Amino acid sequence: PMNTVDPSLPVLLRSLKLPGFVAHHVDLAARARDQGWGFEMYLRQLVDIEVENRATRRLERDLKASKLPAEKTLANLDRRRLPEPVQRHLPTLCEGEFTRDGANLLLFGLPGRGKTHLACAVGHELVRRGRRVRFYPAYELVQELLTARRDLQLPQFLRRLDRFDAVIIDDIGYVQQT
């Protein structure tokens, strides 16, 4: 019969790592029958779901790997606290062209003025645009560098850092110098 689902199909779809297909193929097949879709339209809808799900999962993985504070986003940034030139340049910073040239972005100011929030908000936007970002409190980066040096792994650690489009180092002024 036409409405029978092959029980091996979900297993095959899982083995091909197509979770969007697994989750939606039965419901979408019913919709396709009801609306008179051809095979191509049905397949296109499934592929669109899979592509969208993969993009969402990748963004979630990249945001988690960035270690950016989740609450310090552009949506939560009080832009009124930012100086006018920073407000004006914020959209350009969020586009991230400065990362292609390896340019540095340094934020200076008194404590509590939003430097970390601004840097993280830009970082979140960079991740959303497909850039690889890593956030480090300065003390943590220093500790990892010292550990890598001690373990004779410094070149490997630096190569891992070099894979990122942007590395955000927070509170660099508070690092103890010894």
Protein backbone atom coordinates (compact mmCIF):
# COMPACT_ATOMS: atom_id res chain seq x y z
CA PRO A 1 0.00 0.00 0.00
CA MET A 2 1.02 3.59 -0.65
CA ASN A 3 0.71 4.78 2.97
CA THR A 4 2.96 2.08 4.44
CA VAL A 5 6.31 3.32 5.74
CA ASP A 6 9.29 1.04 5.19
CA PRO A 7 10.58 0.35 8.73
CA SER A 8 14.18 0.19 7.50
CA LEU A 9 14.02 3.74 6.09
CA PRO A 10 14.60 5.57 9.43
CA VAL A 11 17.55 3.27 10.14
CA LEU A 12 19.07 4.03 6.74
CA LEU A 13 18.47 7.76 7.17
CA ARG A 14 20.17 7.68 10.59
CA SER A 15 23.13 5.78 9.14
CA LEU A 16 23.45 8.55 6.54
CA LYS A 17 23.29 11.10 9.37
CA LEU A 18 20.09 12.76 8.13
CA PRO A 19 18.19 13.52 11.36
CA GLY A 20 15.97 16.10 9.64
CA PHE A 21 14.84 13.44 7.19
CA VAL A 22 14.24 10.98 10.04
CA ALA A 23 12.16 13.47 12.00
CA HIS A 24 10.05 14.78 9.11
CA HIS A 25 9.84 12.24 6.27
CA VAL A 26 6.57 10.61 7.40
CA ASP A 27 4.66 13.86 8.13
CA LEU A 28 6.02 15.52 5.02
CA ALA A 29 5.06 12.48 2.89
CA ALA A 30 1.47 12.79 4.15
CA ARG A 31 1.48 16.50 3.37
CA ALA A 32 2.93 15.80 -0.08
CA ARG A 33 0.14 13.30 -0.79
CA ASP A 34 -2.54 15.71 0.48
CA GLN A 35 -1.20 18.63 -1.56
CA GLY A 36 -0.30 16.66 -4.67
CA TRP A 37 3.44 17.32 -4.60
CA GLY A 38 5.68 15.47 -6.98
CA PHE A 39 8.75 13.55 -5.83
CA GLU A 40 11.04 16.49 -6.51
CA MET A 41 8.99 18.87 -4.36
CA TYR A 42 8.84 16.33 -1.51
CA LEU A 43 12.58 15.77 -1.69
CA ARG A 44 13.27 19.50 -1.89
CA GLN A 45 11.22 20.13 1.26
CA LEU A 46 13.10 17.39 3.13
CA VAL A 47 16.47 18.73 1.96
CA ASP A 48 15.51 22.27 2.99
CA ILE A 49 14.63 21.03 6.49
CA GLU A 50 17.89 19.09 6.74
CA VAL A 51 20.00 22.05 5.58
CA GLU A 52 18.25 24.40 8.02
CA ASN A 53 18.66 21.93 10.90
CA ARG A 54 22.36 21.49 10.13
CA ALA A 55 22.92 25.24 10.01
CA THR A 56 21.16 25.61 13.37
CA ARG A 57 23.17 22.79 14.97
CA ARG A 58 26.43 24.20 13.57
CA LEU A 59 25.64 27.64 14.97
CA GLU A 60 24.86 26.11 18.36
CA ARG A 61 28.16 24.14 18.30
CA ASP A 62 30.15 27.19 17.21
CA LEU A 63 28.57 29.40 19.89
CA LYS A 64 29.30 26.78 22.55
CA ALA A 65 32.90 26.34 21.33
CA SER A 66 33.41 30.12 21.36
CA LYS A 67 32.84 30.18 25.15
CA LEU A 68 31.27 33.61 24.74
CA PRO A 69 29.06 34.56 27.68
CA ALA A 70 25.56 33.74 26.43
CA GLU A 71 23.98 36.85 27.95
CA LYS A 72 26.38 39.36 26.38
CA THR A 73 24.74 39.72 22.98
CA LEU A 74 23.91 42.61 20.71
CA ALA A 75 20.24 42.31 21.70
CA ASN A 76 21.16 42.87 25.38
CA LEU A 77 23.69 45.65 24.75
CA ASP A 78 22.66 49.09 26.01
CA ARG A 79 23.87 51.07 23.02
CA ARG A 80 23.09 54.38 24.73
CA ARG A 81 26.08 53.76 27.00
CA LEU A 82 28.42 53.56 24.02
CA PRO A 83 30.23 56.63 22.71
CA GLU A 84 28.76 57.94 19.44
CA PRO A 85 31.75 56.87 17.28
CA VAL A 86 31.46 53.32 18.63
CA GLN A 87 27.72 53.29 17.94
CA ARG A 88 28.41 54.44 14.40
CA HIS A 89 31.04 51.73 13.76
CA LEU A 90 29.20 48.88 15.47
CA PRO A 91 27.46 47.55 12.32
CA THR A 92 30.78 47.50 10.46
CA LEU A 93 32.47 45.69 13.36
CA CYS A 94 29.70 43.08 13.38
CA GLU A 95 30.32 42.37 9.69
CA GLY A 96 33.81 41.27 10.72
CA GLU A 97 35.89 42.41 7.77
CA PHE A 98 38.65 43.36 10.22
CA THR A 99 39.15 39.63 10.93
CA ARG A 100 40.12 38.90 7.32
CA ASP A 101 43.17 41.15 7.62
CA GLY A 102 44.09 39.90 11.09
CA ALA A 103 43.51 43.40 12.46
CA ASN A 104 43.25 43.90 16.20
CA LEU A 105 40.36 45.57 17.94
CA LEU A 106 41.30 47.03 21.32
CA LEU A 107 38.73 48.41 23.74
CA PHE A 108 39.85 50.78 26.48
CA GLY A 109 37.87 52.50 29.18
CA LEU A 110 36.96 52.64 32.79
CA PRO A 111 35.59 49.53 34.52
CA GLY A 112 31.88 48.89 34.10
CA ARG A 113 31.47 50.82 30.86
CA GLY A 114 30.51 47.82 28.70
CA LYS A 115 33.78 46.91 26.98
CA THR A 116 33.38 43.19 27.62
CA HIS A 117 29.74 43.25 26.61
CA LEU A 118 30.57 45.10 23.39
CA ALA A 119 33.40 42.70 22.51
CA CYS A 120 31.21 39.67 23.22
CA ALA A 121 28.27 41.11 21.28
CA VAL A 122 30.54 41.58 18.26
CA GLY A 123 31.86 38.03 18.84
CA HIS A 124 28.33 36.59 18.82
CA GLU A 125 27.59 38.40 15.55
CA LEU A 126 30.82 37.09 14.01
CA VAL A 127 29.85 33.52 14.93
CA ARG A 128 26.42 34.05 13.37
CA ARG A 129 28.21 35.12 10.18
CA GLY A 130 30.25 31.92 10.07
CA ARG A 131 33.44 33.15 11.71
CA ARG A 132 35.27 31.09 14.33
CA VAL A 133 35.60 32.99 17.60
CA ARG A 134 37.11 32.11 20.99
CA PHE A 135 36.57 34.11 24.17
CA TYR A 136 39.18 33.95 26.93
CA PRO A 137 39.39 35.69 30.25
CA ALA A 138 43.04 36.84 30.18
CA TYR A 139 44.02 34.78 33.22
CA GLU A 140 42.71 31.61 31.52
CA LEU A 141 44.61 32.25 28.31
CA VAL A 142 47.80 32.96 30.24
CA GLN A 143 47.31 29.74 32.22
CA GLU A 144 46.80 27.71 29.04
CA LEU A 145 49.87 29.30 27.44
CA LEU A 146 51.99 28.53 30.51
CA THR A 147 50.70 24.96 30.61
CA ALA A 148 51.42 24.49 26.90
CA ARG A 149 54.93 25.88 27.38
CA ARG A 150 55.55 23.61 30.37
CA ASP A 151 54.31 20.58 28.41
CA LEU A 152 56.38 21.56 25.35
CA GLN A 153 53.12 22.02 23.40
CA LEU A 154 53.29 25.78 22.79
CA PRO A 155 53.59 25.61 18.97
CA GLN A 156 50.59 23.25 18.79
CA PHE A 157 48.56 25.49 21.10
CA LEU A 158 49.39 28.56 19.01
CA ARG A 159 48.37 26.72 15.84
CA ARG A 160 45.01 25.90 17.47
CA LEU A 161 44.56 29.57 18.36
CA ASP A 162 45.45 30.54 14.81
CA ARG A 163 42.43 28.60 13.52
CA PHE A 164 40.14 31.21 15.03
CA ASP A 165 39.14 34.28 13.04
CA ALA A 166 38.94 36.24 16.30
CA VAL A 167 40.22 35.68 19.81
CA ILE A 168 38.62 37.91 22.41
CA ILE A 169 40.80 38.43 25.49
CA ASP A 170 38.98 39.99 28.41
CA ASP A 171 40.47 41.96 31.32
CA ILE A 172 44.03 41.87 30.04
CA GLY A 173 44.94 44.68 32.47
CA TYR A 174 44.30 42.40 35.45
CA VAL A 175 46.89 39.77 34.54
CA GLN A 176 49.61 39.42 37.17
CA GLN A 177 53.02 39.97 35.63
CA THR A 178 55.76 37.68 36.90
